[in-house]
């Protein structure tokens, strides 16, 4: 059983936490194929557990799903906010919802230096007239595993597919808020476009993706 981090945007975190989102689709590890997605077809899984694709030229490319397979664990990585006052230690909260990080924060923990902002409290009653305090916004990519508040266990083998091939049922599992659009499919298409068009993976490109499906779980210590 392997453990890997997976990043979610703040808007999707509540749906992951309440269980209404149990699927996601990701392009990681499929970059070469998605340079020309129409030129490839999926062959299947080989004896080494790699996913094979064949190009129109006859070239075969084998790739490994970077998220693992059935039974592997994913820990949710999300944006944090941090504050440090006179205690000289950092207090952390989750940006989505504002809940405090309950995991033990190491005494030597420091957010990435380029995220820290200094503020100054002033007043006649303060020795010296002022004292500094600090805040930081910690991007999800820098969130330590120990600070995660949700573990996910993969319950299906990720098999590559084109993103536009998603079914209505799977679009619902992507966290569809009922009544938001005429169907979950069209809602998902809009969400995908908003997140991925600027990355070159818009809906009309129809990239290959890893469909990930999970159940929420607790972390099991070795």
N, C-alpha and C. Protein backbone atom coordinates (compact mmCIF):
# COMPACT_ATOMS: atom_id res chain seq x y z
N UNK A 1 0.84 -1.19 0.00
CA UNK A 1 0.00 0.00 0.00
C UNK A 1 0.88 1.25 0.00
N UNK A 2 0.65 2.12 -0.96
CA UNK A 2 1.42 3.35 -1.09
C UNK A 2 0.59 4.56 -0.66
N UNK A 3 1.27 5.63 -0.31
CA UNK A 3 0.62 6.87 0.08
C UNK A 3 1.14 8.00 -0.81
N UNK A 4 0.22 8.77 -1.37
CA UNK A 4 0.59 9.87 -2.25
C UNK A 4 -0.31 11.06 -1.95
N UNK A 5 0.22 12.26 -2.14
CA UNK A 5 -0.58 13.45 -1.95
C UNK A 5 -1.36 13.79 -3.21
N UNK A 6 -2.51 14.42 -3.04
CA UNK A 6 -3.31 14.88 -4.17
C UNK A 6 -3.88 16.24 -3.82
N UNK A 7 -3.71 17.20 -4.72
CA UNK A 7 -4.12 18.57 -4.47
C UNK A 7 -5.54 18.81 -4.94
N UNK A 8 -6.32 19.49 -4.11
CA UNK A 8 -7.66 19.93 -4.49
C UNK A 8 -7.76 21.44 -4.27
N UNK A 9 -8.49 22.11 -5.14
CA UNK A 9 -8.73 23.54 -4.97
C UNK A 9 -9.69 23.74 -3.80
N UNK A 10 -9.64 24.93 -3.22
CA UNK A 10 -10.46 25.21 -2.05
C UNK A 10 -11.95 25.03 -2.30
N UNK A 11 -12.41 25.31 -3.52
CA UNK A 11 -13.83 25.21 -3.82
C UNK A 11 -14.33 23.76 -3.77
N UNK A 12 -13.42 22.80 -3.98
CA UNK A 12 -13.81 21.39 -4.02
C UNK A 12 -13.62 20.69 -2.67
N UNK A 13 -12.87 21.29 -1.77
CA UNK A 13 -12.58 20.66 -0.48
C UNK A 13 -13.84 20.27 0.29
N UNK A 14 -14.84 21.18 0.43
CA UNK A 14 -16.03 20.78 1.20
C UNK A 14 -16.71 19.54 0.65
N UNK A 15 -16.77 19.39 -0.69
CA UNK A 15 -17.41 18.22 -1.28
C UNK A 15 -16.62 16.95 -1.01
N UNK A 16 -15.29 17.06 -0.95
CA UNK A 16 -14.46 15.91 -0.61
C UNK A 16 -14.71 15.52 0.85
N UNK A 17 -14.78 16.51 1.72
CA UNK A 17 -14.93 16.24 3.15
C UNK A 17 -16.29 15.67 3.50
N UNK A 18 -17.35 16.13 2.81
CA UNK A 18 -18.69 15.63 3.17
C UNK A 18 -19.09 14.38 2.39
N UNK A 19 -18.21 13.91 1.50
CA UNK A 19 -18.45 12.67 0.79
C UNK A 19 -19.26 12.79 -0.48
N UNK A 20 -19.66 14.02 -0.87
CA UNK A 20 -20.42 14.17 -2.11
C UNK A 20 -19.52 14.13 -3.34
N UNK A 21 -18.23 14.28 -3.16
CA UNK A 21 -17.27 14.12 -4.25
C UNK A 21 -16.44 12.88 -3.97
N UNK A 22 -16.57 11.88 -4.84
CA UNK A 22 -15.84 10.63 -4.66
C UNK A 22 -15.02 10.27 -5.89
N UNK A 23 -14.94 11.19 -6.85
CA UNK A 23 -14.14 10.97 -8.04
C UNK A 23 -13.43 12.25 -8.45
N UNK A 24 -12.32 12.08 -9.16
CA UNK A 24 -11.65 13.21 -9.81
C UNK A 24 -10.96 12.66 -11.05
N UNK A 25 -10.64 13.56 -11.97
CA UNK A 25 -9.94 13.19 -13.20
C UNK A 25 -8.70 14.04 -13.34
N UNK A 26 -7.56 13.38 -13.55
CA UNK A 26 -6.28 14.07 -13.57
C UNK A 26 -5.47 13.69 -14.82
N UNK A 27 -4.62 14.64 -15.26
CA UNK A 27 -3.80 14.44 -16.46
C UNK A 27 -2.35 14.11 -16.14
N UNK A 28 -1.97 14.10 -14.87
CA UNK A 28 -0.57 13.86 -14.50
C UNK A 28 -0.06 12.55 -15.10
N UNK A 29 1.16 12.60 -15.66
CA UNK A 29 1.76 11.40 -16.22
C UNK A 29 1.33 11.10 -17.64
N UNK A 30 0.41 11.89 -18.19
CA UNK A 30 -0.09 11.67 -19.54
C UNK A 30 0.26 12.84 -20.46
N UNK A 31 1.28 13.59 -20.08
CA UNK A 31 1.60 14.83 -20.80
C UNK A 31 2.01 14.57 -22.25
N UNK A 32 2.85 13.58 -22.48
CA UNK A 32 3.29 13.31 -23.85
C UNK A 32 2.11 12.89 -24.71
N UNK A 33 1.28 12.04 -24.18
CA UNK A 33 0.11 11.58 -24.93
C UNK A 33 -0.84 12.74 -25.22
N UNK A 34 -0.97 13.65 -24.28
CA UNK A 34 -1.91 14.76 -24.45
C UNK A 34 -1.36 15.90 -25.32
N UNK A 35 -0.14 15.75 -25.80
CA UNK A 35 0.33 16.70 -26.81
C UNK A 35 -0.47 16.54 -28.10
N UNK A 36 -0.96 15.33 -28.34
CA UNK A 36 -1.81 15.04 -29.51
C UNK A 36 -2.73 13.88 -29.12
N UNK A 37 -3.71 14.13 -28.28
CA UNK A 37 -4.51 13.04 -27.71
C UNK A 37 -5.25 12.20 -28.74
N UNK A 38 -5.61 12.80 -29.86
CA UNK A 38 -6.34 12.04 -30.88
C UNK A 38 -5.46 11.01 -31.59
N UNK A 39 -4.15 11.14 -31.42
CA UNK A 39 -3.22 10.25 -32.12
C UNK A 39 -2.94 8.96 -31.34
N UNK A 40 -3.57 8.81 -30.17
CA UNK A 40 -3.27 7.65 -29.33
C UNK A 40 -4.54 6.85 -29.04
N UNK A 41 -4.34 5.55 -28.88
CA UNK A 41 -5.42 4.69 -28.39
C UNK A 41 -4.89 3.86 -27.24
N UNK A 42 -5.77 3.57 -26.31
CA UNK A 42 -5.38 2.82 -25.11
C UNK A 42 -5.44 1.33 -25.39
N UNK A 43 -4.37 0.62 -25.04
CA UNK A 43 -4.28 -0.82 -25.28
C UNK A 43 -4.66 -1.65 -24.06
N UNK A 44 -4.28 -1.19 -22.86
CA UNK A 44 -4.55 -1.95 -21.65
C UNK A 44 -3.34 -1.98 -20.74
N UNK A 45 -3.40 -2.83 -19.71
CA UNK A 45 -2.33 -2.93 -18.72
C UNK A 45 -1.45 -4.13 -19.06
N UNK A 46 -0.13 -3.89 -19.09
CA UNK A 46 0.78 -4.99 -19.42
C UNK A 46 1.16 -5.78 -18.17
N UNK A 47 2.05 -6.76 -18.34
CA UNK A 47 2.42 -7.64 -17.23
C UNK A 47 3.17 -6.92 -16.13
N UNK A 48 3.73 -5.76 -16.43
CA UNK A 48 4.46 -4.97 -15.43
C UNK A 48 3.57 -3.96 -14.72
N UNK A 49 2.27 -4.00 -15.00
CA UNK A 49 1.35 -3.07 -14.37
C UNK A 49 1.35 -1.69 -14.99
N UNK A 50 1.96 -1.55 -16.16
CA UNK A 50 2.00 -0.27 -16.85
C UNK A 50 0.85 -0.19 -17.86
N UNK A 51 0.37 1.01 -18.09
CA UNK A 51 -0.72 1.25 -19.04
C UNK A 51 -0.12 1.56 -20.40
N UNK A 52 -0.50 0.79 -21.40
CA UNK A 52 0.08 0.95 -22.73
C UNK A 52 -0.85 1.70 -23.68
N UNK A 53 -0.23 2.60 -24.43
CA UNK A 53 -0.90 3.37 -25.47
C UNK A 53 -0.18 3.12 -26.78
N UNK A 54 -0.92 3.16 -27.87
CA UNK A 54 -0.31 3.03 -29.19
C UNK A 54 -0.61 4.27 -30.02
N UNK A 55 0.46 4.82 -30.61
CA UNK A 55 0.34 6.00 -31.46
C UNK A 55 -0.06 5.57 -32.87
N UNK A 56 -0.59 6.50 -33.66
CA UNK A 56 -0.98 6.19 -35.03
C UNK A 56 0.22 5.75 -35.87
N UNK A 57 1.43 6.09 -35.39
CA UNK A 57 2.64 5.66 -36.09
C UNK A 57 3.01 4.22 -35.76
N UNK A 58 2.32 3.62 -34.79
CA UNK A 58 2.62 2.27 -34.34
C UNK A 58 3.49 2.22 -33.11
N UNK A 59 3.96 3.37 -32.64
CA UNK A 59 4.79 3.42 -31.44
C UNK A 59 3.95 3.11 -30.21
N UNK A 60 4.49 2.30 -29.30
CA UNK A 60 3.81 1.95 -28.06
C UNK A 60 4.50 2.64 -26.90
N UNK A 61 3.72 3.28 -26.05
CA UNK A 61 4.24 3.98 -24.88
C UNK A 61 3.59 3.40 -23.64
N UNK A 62 4.40 3.04 -22.65
CA UNK A 62 3.89 2.49 -21.39
C UNK A 62 4.07 3.51 -20.28
N UNK A 63 3.02 3.77 -19.53
CA UNK A 63 3.07 4.76 -18.45
C UNK A 63 2.48 4.15 -17.18
N UNK A 64 2.94 4.65 -16.06
CA UNK A 64 2.42 4.19 -14.76
C UNK A 64 1.52 5.28 -14.19
N UNK A 65 0.41 4.87 -13.62
CA UNK A 65 -0.47 5.84 -12.99
C UNK A 65 0.23 6.42 -11.76
N UNK A 66 0.42 7.73 -11.72
CA UNK A 66 1.15 8.32 -10.59
C UNK A 66 0.39 8.30 -9.28
N UNK A 67 -0.87 7.90 -9.32
CA UNK A 67 -1.69 7.89 -8.11
C UNK A 67 -1.83 6.51 -7.50
N UNK A 68 -1.26 5.49 -8.17
CA UNK A 68 -1.33 4.14 -7.63
C UNK A 68 -2.52 3.37 -8.15
N UNK A 69 -2.92 2.36 -7.38
CA UNK A 69 -4.02 1.49 -7.79
C UNK A 69 -4.92 1.16 -6.63
N UNK A 70 -5.76 0.16 -6.80
CA UNK A 70 -6.74 -0.21 -5.79
C UNK A 70 -6.07 -0.46 -4.44
N UNK A 71 -6.60 0.18 -3.41
CA UNK A 71 -6.07 -0.01 -2.05
C UNK A 71 -5.05 1.03 -1.65
N UNK A 72 -4.47 1.74 -2.61
CA UNK A 72 -3.50 2.77 -2.27
C UNK A 72 -4.20 3.98 -1.66
N UNK A 73 -3.45 4.73 -0.86
CA UNK A 73 -4.01 5.87 -0.14
C UNK A 73 -3.56 7.19 -0.74
N UNK A 74 -4.47 8.14 -0.75
CA UNK A 74 -4.19 9.51 -1.14
C UNK A 74 -4.48 10.41 0.07
N UNK A 75 -3.59 11.35 0.34
CA UNK A 75 -3.89 12.33 1.38
C UNK A 75 -4.14 13.68 0.72
N UNK A 76 -5.20 14.34 1.16
CA UNK A 76 -5.62 15.60 0.54
C UNK A 76 -4.68 16.72 0.94
N UNK A 77 -4.16 17.40 -0.08
CA UNK A 77 -3.31 18.56 0.15
C UNK A 77 -4.11 19.81 -0.20
N UNK A 78 -4.15 20.76 0.73
CA UNK A 78 -4.95 21.95 0.52
C UNK A 78 -4.24 23.18 1.09
N UNK A 79 -4.73 24.33 0.72
CA UNK A 79 -4.12 25.59 1.15
C UNK A 79 -4.32 25.80 2.65
N UNK A 80 -3.28 26.31 3.31
CA UNK A 80 -3.32 26.62 4.73
C UNK A 80 -3.09 28.10 4.96
N UNK A 81 -3.58 28.59 6.08
CA UNK A 81 -3.22 29.93 6.53
C UNK A 81 -2.48 29.79 7.85
N UNK A 82 -1.54 30.69 8.10
CA UNK A 82 -0.69 30.59 9.28
C UNK A 82 -0.56 31.94 9.97
N UNK A 83 -0.46 31.90 11.29
CA UNK A 83 -0.26 33.11 12.09
C UNK A 83 0.75 32.81 13.19
N UNK A 84 1.58 33.79 13.49
CA UNK A 84 2.51 33.66 14.61
C UNK A 84 2.55 34.98 15.38
N UNK A 85 2.27 34.86 16.68
CA UNK A 85 2.28 36.03 17.54
C UNK A 85 3.44 35.92 18.52
N UNK A 86 3.24 36.38 19.74
CA UNK A 86 4.33 36.43 20.72
C UNK A 86 4.84 35.05 21.11
N UNK A 87 4.04 34.00 20.85
CA UNK A 87 4.46 32.66 21.26
C UNK A 87 5.64 32.16 20.45
N UNK A 88 5.88 32.78 19.32
CA UNK A 88 6.98 32.41 18.42
C UNK A 88 6.78 31.03 17.80
N UNK A 89 5.56 30.51 17.83
CA UNK A 89 5.25 29.27 17.13
C UNK A 89 4.05 29.54 16.24
N UNK A 90 3.94 28.77 15.16
CA UNK A 90 2.92 29.02 14.16
C UNK A 90 1.63 28.28 14.48
N UNK A 91 0.51 28.98 14.32
CA UNK A 91 -0.82 28.37 14.36
C UNK A 91 -1.30 28.22 12.93
N UNK A 92 -1.83 27.05 12.59
CA UNK A 92 -2.25 26.77 11.23
C UNK A 92 -3.75 26.50 11.16
N UNK A 93 -4.37 26.95 10.07
CA UNK A 93 -5.78 26.67 9.80
C UNK A 93 -5.92 26.31 8.33
N UNK A 94 -7.01 25.62 8.01
CA UNK A 94 -7.30 25.29 6.62
C UNK A 94 -8.00 26.48 5.97
N UNK A 95 -7.51 26.88 4.80
CA UNK A 95 -8.09 28.04 4.13
C UNK A 95 -9.56 27.80 3.78
N UNK A 96 -9.89 26.57 3.42
CA UNK A 96 -11.28 26.23 3.10
C UNK A 96 -12.04 25.96 4.39
N UNK A 97 -12.81 26.91 4.85
CA UNK A 97 -13.63 26.73 6.05
C UNK A 97 -13.04 27.30 7.31
N UNK A 98 -11.72 27.44 7.38
CA UNK A 98 -11.09 28.09 8.52
C UNK A 98 -10.85 27.21 9.73
N UNK A 99 -11.12 25.90 9.64
CA UNK A 99 -10.90 25.02 10.80
C UNK A 99 -9.42 24.96 11.15
N UNK A 100 -9.13 24.87 12.43
CA UNK A 100 -7.76 24.81 12.89
C UNK A 100 -7.14 23.45 12.60
N UNK A 101 -5.87 23.46 12.23
CA UNK A 101 -5.13 22.21 12.04
C UNK A 101 -4.90 21.60 13.42
N UNK A 102 -5.40 20.39 13.61
CA UNK A 102 -5.33 19.75 14.93
C UNK A 102 -4.09 18.90 15.11
N UNK A 103 -3.44 18.55 13.99
CA UNK A 103 -2.22 17.75 14.09
C UNK A 103 -1.14 18.55 14.82
N UNK A 104 -0.26 17.84 15.50
CA UNK A 104 0.83 18.50 16.21
C UNK A 104 1.73 19.22 15.22
N UNK A 105 1.99 20.48 15.49
CA UNK A 105 2.84 21.28 14.62
C UNK A 105 4.25 21.28 15.19
N UNK A 106 5.23 20.79 14.45
CA UNK A 106 6.60 20.75 14.96
C UNK A 106 7.06 22.13 15.42
N UNK A 107 7.84 22.17 16.50
CA UNK A 107 8.30 23.45 17.05
C UNK A 107 9.14 24.22 16.05
N UNK A 108 9.80 23.52 15.13
CA UNK A 108 10.66 24.20 14.17
C UNK A 108 9.97 24.46 12.83
N UNK A 109 8.64 24.24 12.79
CA UNK A 109 7.93 24.45 11.52
C UNK A 109 7.91 25.92 11.14
N UNK A 110 8.22 26.20 9.88
CA UNK A 110 8.17 27.55 9.33
C UNK A 110 7.54 27.47 7.93
N UNK A 111 6.55 28.29 7.63
CA UNK A 111 5.99 28.29 6.28
C UNK A 111 7.06 28.73 5.27
N UNK A 112 6.85 28.46 3.99
CA UNK A 112 7.80 28.92 2.97
C UNK A 112 8.07 30.42 3.13
N UNK A 113 9.36 30.78 3.13
CA UNK A 113 9.74 32.15 3.43
C UNK A 113 9.06 33.19 2.54
N UNK A 114 8.84 32.85 1.27
CA UNK A 114 8.27 33.84 0.36
C UNK A 114 6.77 34.03 0.56
N UNK A 115 6.17 33.28 1.51
CA UNK A 115 4.74 33.45 1.79
C UNK A 115 4.51 34.24 3.07
N UNK A 116 5.56 34.56 3.82
CA UNK A 116 5.42 35.19 5.13
C UNK A 116 5.35 36.71 4.99
N UNK A 117 4.38 37.29 5.68
CA UNK A 117 4.24 38.74 5.74
C UNK A 117 4.36 39.21 7.18
N UNK A 118 5.10 40.29 7.38
CA UNK A 118 5.27 40.86 8.72
C UNK A 118 4.27 41.99 8.94
N UNK A 119 3.68 42.00 10.13
CA UNK A 119 2.77 43.07 10.55
C UNK A 119 3.32 43.64 11.86
N UNK A 120 2.80 44.77 12.26
CA UNK A 120 3.31 45.37 13.50
C UNK A 120 2.16 45.96 14.30
N UNK A 121 2.07 45.50 15.56
CA UNK A 121 1.07 46.01 16.50
C UNK A 121 1.70 47.15 17.28
N UNK A 122 1.00 48.27 17.34
CA UNK A 122 1.54 49.43 18.04
C UNK A 122 0.59 49.86 19.16
N UNK A 123 1.13 50.54 20.15
CA UNK A 123 0.31 51.04 21.25
C UNK A 123 1.18 51.52 22.39
N UNK A 124 0.66 52.47 23.16
CA UNK A 124 1.45 53.04 24.26
C UNK A 124 1.72 52.02 25.35
N UNK A 125 0.84 51.00 25.49
CA UNK A 125 1.01 50.02 26.55
C UNK A 125 1.96 48.89 26.17
N UNK A 126 2.45 48.91 24.94
CA UNK A 126 3.33 47.84 24.46
C UNK A 126 4.78 48.25 24.72
N UNK A 127 5.54 47.40 25.41
CA UNK A 127 6.95 47.74 25.64
C UNK A 127 7.67 48.02 24.32
N UNK A 128 8.32 49.18 24.29
CA UNK A 128 9.00 49.56 23.06
C UNK A 128 8.09 50.20 22.04
N UNK A 129 6.78 50.21 22.33
CA UNK A 129 5.84 50.88 21.43
C UNK A 129 5.25 50.00 20.35
N UNK A 130 5.84 48.83 20.10
CA UNK A 130 5.29 47.96 19.06
C UNK A 130 5.90 46.57 19.16
N UNK A 131 5.23 45.59 18.55
CA UNK A 131 5.82 44.26 18.43
C UNK A 131 5.36 43.66 17.09
N UNK A 132 6.19 42.80 16.49
CA UNK A 132 5.84 42.22 15.19
C UNK A 132 5.00 40.95 15.33
N UNK A 133 4.13 40.69 14.36
CA UNK A 133 3.46 39.40 14.23
C UNK A 133 3.39 39.08 12.75
N UNK A 134 3.16 37.81 12.47
CA UNK A 134 3.36 37.35 11.10
C UNK A 134 2.18 36.49 10.62
N UNK A 135 1.92 36.58 9.34
CA UNK A 135 0.91 35.72 8.71
C UNK A 135 1.52 35.12 7.44
N UNK A 136 0.91 34.04 6.99
CA UNK A 136 1.36 33.39 5.75
C UNK A 136 0.20 32.61 5.15
N UNK A 137 0.21 32.52 3.85
CA UNK A 137 -0.70 31.63 3.13
C UNK A 137 0.15 30.54 2.49
N UNK A 138 -0.07 29.32 2.92
CA UNK A 138 0.76 28.20 2.49
C UNK A 138 0.06 27.48 1.32
N UNK A 139 0.61 27.56 0.11
CA UNK A 139 -0.01 26.86 -1.02
C UNK A 139 -0.11 25.37 -0.76
N UNK A 140 -1.12 24.75 -1.34
CA UNK A 140 -1.38 23.33 -1.11
C UNK A 140 -0.18 22.45 -1.44
N UNK A 141 0.61 22.84 -2.43
CA UNK A 141 1.76 22.02 -2.82
C UNK A 141 2.80 21.93 -1.71
N UNK A 142 2.77 22.89 -0.76
CA UNK A 142 3.72 22.89 0.34
C UNK A 142 3.13 22.33 1.64
N UNK A 143 1.89 21.84 1.60
CA UNK A 143 1.29 21.29 2.81
C UNK A 143 1.93 19.96 3.16
N UNK A 144 2.39 19.83 4.40
CA UNK A 144 2.99 18.58 4.85
C UNK A 144 1.93 17.50 5.03
N UNK A 145 2.32 16.26 4.79
CA UNK A 145 1.38 15.14 4.92
C UNK A 145 0.77 15.09 6.31
N UNK A 146 1.53 15.41 7.33
CA UNK A 146 1.04 15.31 8.70
C UNK A 146 -0.13 16.26 8.97
N UNK A 147 -0.32 17.26 8.11
CA UNK A 147 -1.39 18.23 8.34
C UNK A 147 -2.69 17.89 7.59
N UNK A 148 -2.71 16.79 6.85
CA UNK A 148 -3.93 16.48 6.10
C UNK A 148 -5.08 16.16 7.05
N UNK A 149 -6.28 16.51 6.63
CA UNK A 149 -7.46 16.18 7.44
C UNK A 149 -8.35 15.14 6.76
N UNK A 150 -7.90 14.63 5.59
CA UNK A 150 -8.70 13.61 4.93
C UNK A 150 -7.82 12.66 4.13
N UNK A 151 -7.99 11.37 4.40
CA UNK A 151 -7.34 10.31 3.64
C UNK A 151 -8.38 9.66 2.74
N UNK A 152 -7.94 9.26 1.54
CA UNK A 152 -8.81 8.63 0.55
C UNK A 152 -8.19 7.31 0.13
N UNK A 153 -9.01 6.26 0.04
CA UNK A 153 -8.52 4.96 -0.43
C UNK A 153 -9.11 4.68 -1.81
N UNK A 154 -8.23 4.41 -2.79
CA UNK A 154 -8.71 4.11 -4.14
C UNK A 154 -9.45 2.78 -4.13
N UNK A 155 -10.63 2.77 -4.74
CA UNK A 155 -11.46 1.56 -4.73
C UNK A 155 -11.65 0.99 -6.14
N UNK A 156 -11.04 1.61 -7.13
CA UNK A 156 -11.12 1.10 -8.50
C UNK A 156 -9.79 1.36 -9.19
N UNK A 157 -9.40 0.47 -10.07
CA UNK A 157 -8.16 0.65 -10.82
C UNK A 157 -8.32 1.81 -11.79
N UNK A 158 -7.44 2.81 -11.73
CA UNK A 158 -7.54 3.92 -12.67
C UNK A 158 -7.22 3.45 -14.10
N UNK A 159 -8.18 3.54 -14.99
CA UNK A 159 -8.00 3.15 -16.38
C UNK A 159 -8.18 4.39 -17.24
N UNK A 160 -7.16 4.80 -18.00
CA UNK A 160 -7.23 6.05 -18.76
C UNK A 160 -8.43 6.11 -19.70
N UNK A 161 -8.99 7.30 -19.81
CA UNK A 161 -10.10 7.56 -20.72
C UNK A 161 -10.05 9.02 -21.16
N UNK A 162 -10.81 9.35 -22.19
CA UNK A 162 -10.90 10.74 -22.62
C UNK A 162 -11.88 11.46 -21.69
N UNK A 163 -11.56 12.69 -21.33
CA UNK A 163 -12.36 13.37 -20.31
C UNK A 163 -13.81 13.54 -20.73
N UNK A 164 -14.05 13.74 -22.03
CA UNK A 164 -15.42 13.96 -22.50
C UNK A 164 -16.25 12.68 -22.49
N UNK A 165 -15.62 11.55 -22.23
CA UNK A 165 -16.35 10.28 -22.17
C UNK A 165 -16.99 10.04 -20.81
N UNK A 166 -16.87 10.98 -19.90
CA UNK A 166 -17.46 10.81 -18.58
C UNK A 166 -18.97 10.61 -18.69
N UNK A 167 -19.50 9.72 -17.87
CA UNK A 167 -20.93 9.46 -17.87
C UNK A 167 -21.64 10.43 -16.94
N UNK A 168 -22.95 10.50 -17.08
CA UNK A 168 -23.75 11.34 -16.19
C UNK A 168 -23.57 10.89 -14.74
N UNK A 169 -23.53 9.58 -14.54
CA UNK A 169 -23.40 9.05 -13.18
C UNK A 169 -22.05 9.43 -12.57
N UNK A 170 -20.99 9.33 -13.35
CA UNK A 170 -19.67 9.68 -12.82
C UNK A 170 -19.55 11.18 -12.61
N UNK A 171 -20.21 11.97 -13.46
CA UNK A 171 -20.19 13.43 -13.27
C UNK A 171 -20.84 13.80 -11.94
N UNK A 172 -21.88 13.07 -11.54
CA UNK A 172 -22.50 13.30 -10.24
C UNK A 172 -21.49 13.03 -9.13
N UNK A 173 -20.70 11.96 -9.27
CA UNK A 173 -19.70 11.60 -8.26
C UNK A 173 -18.53 12.58 -8.23
N UNK A 174 -18.43 13.44 -9.22
CA UNK A 174 -17.40 14.49 -9.22
C UNK A 174 -17.77 15.64 -8.28
N UNK A 175 -18.95 15.54 -7.64
CA UNK A 175 -19.36 16.55 -6.68
C UNK A 175 -20.44 17.48 -7.17
N UNK A 176 -21.22 17.00 -8.13
CA UNK A 176 -22.28 17.82 -8.74
C UNK A 176 -23.24 18.36 -7.69
N UNK A 177 -23.40 19.69 -7.62
CA UNK A 177 -24.40 20.27 -6.72
C UNK A 177 -25.76 20.24 -7.40
N UNK A 178 -26.65 19.43 -6.92
CA UNK A 178 -27.94 19.19 -7.58
C UNK A 178 -28.66 20.49 -7.89
N UNK A 179 -29.16 20.59 -9.12
CA UNK A 179 -29.92 21.77 -9.52
C UNK A 179 -29.07 22.89 -10.08
N UNK A 180 -27.73 22.70 -10.09
CA UNK A 180 -26.85 23.78 -10.55
C UNK A 180 -26.95 23.98 -12.05
N UNK A 181 -27.10 22.92 -12.80
CA UNK A 181 -27.17 22.99 -14.25
C UNK A 181 -28.18 21.96 -14.73
N UNK A 182 -28.41 21.93 -16.05
CA UNK A 182 -29.41 21.02 -16.60
C UNK A 182 -29.02 19.56 -16.39
N UNK A 183 -27.74 19.29 -16.24
CA UNK A 183 -27.28 17.93 -15.98
C UNK A 183 -25.91 17.99 -15.32
N UNK A 184 -25.54 16.91 -14.66
CA UNK A 184 -24.21 16.83 -14.04
C UNK A 184 -23.13 16.88 -15.11
N UNK A 185 -23.39 16.30 -16.27
CA UNK A 185 -22.39 16.28 -17.36
C UNK A 185 -22.03 17.70 -17.77
N UNK A 186 -23.03 18.54 -17.98
CA UNK A 186 -22.76 19.92 -18.41
C UNK A 186 -22.11 20.74 -17.30
N UNK A 187 -22.51 20.45 -16.06
CA UNK A 187 -21.84 21.11 -14.93
C UNK A 187 -20.37 20.75 -14.91
N UNK A 188 -20.06 19.45 -15.05
CA UNK A 188 -18.67 19.02 -15.01
C UNK A 188 -17.88 19.61 -16.17
N UNK A 189 -18.47 19.67 -17.34
CA UNK A 189 -17.79 20.27 -18.49
C UNK A 189 -17.40 21.71 -18.20
N UNK A 190 -18.30 22.46 -17.57
CA UNK A 190 -18.01 23.85 -17.22
C UNK A 190 -16.87 23.94 -16.19
N UNK A 191 -16.93 23.10 -15.16
CA UNK A 191 -15.89 23.12 -14.13
C UNK A 191 -14.54 22.74 -14.74
N UNK A 192 -14.53 21.69 -15.56
CA UNK A 192 -13.27 21.27 -16.19
C UNK A 192 -12.68 22.40 -17.04
N UNK A 193 -13.53 23.05 -17.81
CA UNK A 193 -13.07 24.12 -18.68
C UNK A 193 -12.46 25.26 -17.86
N UNK A 194 -13.10 25.64 -16.79
CA UNK A 194 -12.62 26.75 -15.95
C UNK A 194 -11.25 26.44 -15.36
N UNK A 195 -11.03 25.20 -14.95
CA UNK A 195 -9.79 24.82 -14.28
C UNK A 195 -8.67 24.53 -15.27
N UNK A 196 -9.00 23.93 -16.40
CA UNK A 196 -7.96 23.33 -17.25
C UNK A 196 -7.71 24.01 -18.59
N UNK A 197 -8.58 24.91 -19.01
CA UNK A 197 -8.38 25.52 -20.33
C UNK A 197 -7.05 26.26 -20.40
N UNK A 198 -6.72 27.02 -19.35
CA UNK A 198 -5.48 27.79 -19.35
C UNK A 198 -4.25 26.89 -19.36
N UNK A 199 -4.41 25.64 -18.95
CA UNK A 199 -3.30 24.69 -18.94
C UNK A 199 -3.13 23.99 -20.29
N UNK A 200 -4.02 24.29 -21.21
CA UNK A 200 -3.96 23.66 -22.52
C UNK A 200 -4.76 22.37 -22.60
N UNK A 201 -5.58 22.08 -21.57
CA UNK A 201 -6.35 20.85 -21.52
C UNK A 201 -7.85 21.13 -21.49
N UNK A 202 -8.29 22.12 -22.28
CA UNK A 202 -9.70 22.45 -22.32
C UNK A 202 -10.56 21.32 -22.83
N UNK A 203 -11.88 21.49 -22.71
CA UNK A 203 -12.82 20.43 -23.06
C UNK A 203 -12.71 20.02 -24.52
N UNK A 204 -12.52 20.98 -25.42
CA UNK A 204 -12.45 20.65 -26.84
C UNK A 204 -11.18 19.88 -27.18
N UNK A 205 -10.13 20.01 -26.37
CA UNK A 205 -8.91 19.22 -26.56
C UNK A 205 -9.20 17.76 -26.25
N UNK A 206 -10.11 17.55 -25.28
CA UNK A 206 -10.52 16.21 -24.85
C UNK A 206 -9.30 15.35 -24.48
N UNK A 207 -8.55 15.78 -23.46
CA UNK A 207 -7.33 15.05 -23.08
C UNK A 207 -7.64 13.69 -22.46
N UNK A 208 -6.62 12.84 -22.45
CA UNK A 208 -6.68 11.60 -21.70
C UNK A 208 -6.51 11.93 -20.21
N UNK A 209 -7.24 11.21 -19.37
CA UNK A 209 -7.19 11.46 -17.93
C UNK A 209 -7.19 10.14 -17.18
N UNK A 210 -6.75 10.24 -15.92
CA UNK A 210 -6.89 9.13 -14.98
C UNK A 210 -8.17 9.37 -14.17
N UNK A 211 -9.18 8.53 -14.29
CA UNK A 211 -10.35 8.66 -13.42
C UNK A 211 -10.06 7.98 -12.08
N UNK A 212 -10.08 8.74 -11.01
CA UNK A 212 -9.79 8.22 -9.68
C UNK A 212 -11.08 8.16 -8.88
N UNK A 213 -11.32 7.02 -8.25
CA UNK A 213 -12.50 6.83 -7.42
C UNK A 213 -12.05 6.32 -6.05
N UNK A 214 -12.65 6.88 -4.99
CA UNK A 214 -12.18 6.56 -3.64
C UNK A 214 -13.32 6.46 -2.65
N UNK A 215 -12.93 5.98 -1.47
CA UNK A 215 -13.76 6.07 -0.28
C UNK A 215 -12.95 6.77 0.78
N UNK A 216 -13.61 7.54 1.61
CA UNK A 216 -12.90 8.22 2.70
C UNK A 216 -12.49 7.19 3.75
N UNK A 217 -11.34 7.43 4.36
CA UNK A 217 -10.83 6.47 5.33
C UNK A 217 -9.96 7.20 6.34
N UNK A 218 -9.57 6.48 7.38
CA UNK A 218 -8.62 6.99 8.35
C UNK A 218 -7.25 6.47 7.99
N UNK A 219 -6.21 7.21 8.36
CA UNK A 219 -4.86 6.75 8.10
C UNK A 219 -4.54 5.59 9.02
N UNK A 220 -3.97 4.55 8.44
CA UNK A 220 -3.59 3.38 9.23
C UNK A 220 -2.08 3.39 9.44
N UNK A 221 -1.68 3.54 10.68
CA UNK A 221 -0.25 3.56 10.99
C UNK A 221 0.33 2.18 10.82
N UNK A 222 1.59 2.14 10.37
CA UNK A 222 2.26 0.85 10.16
C UNK A 222 2.55 0.20 11.51
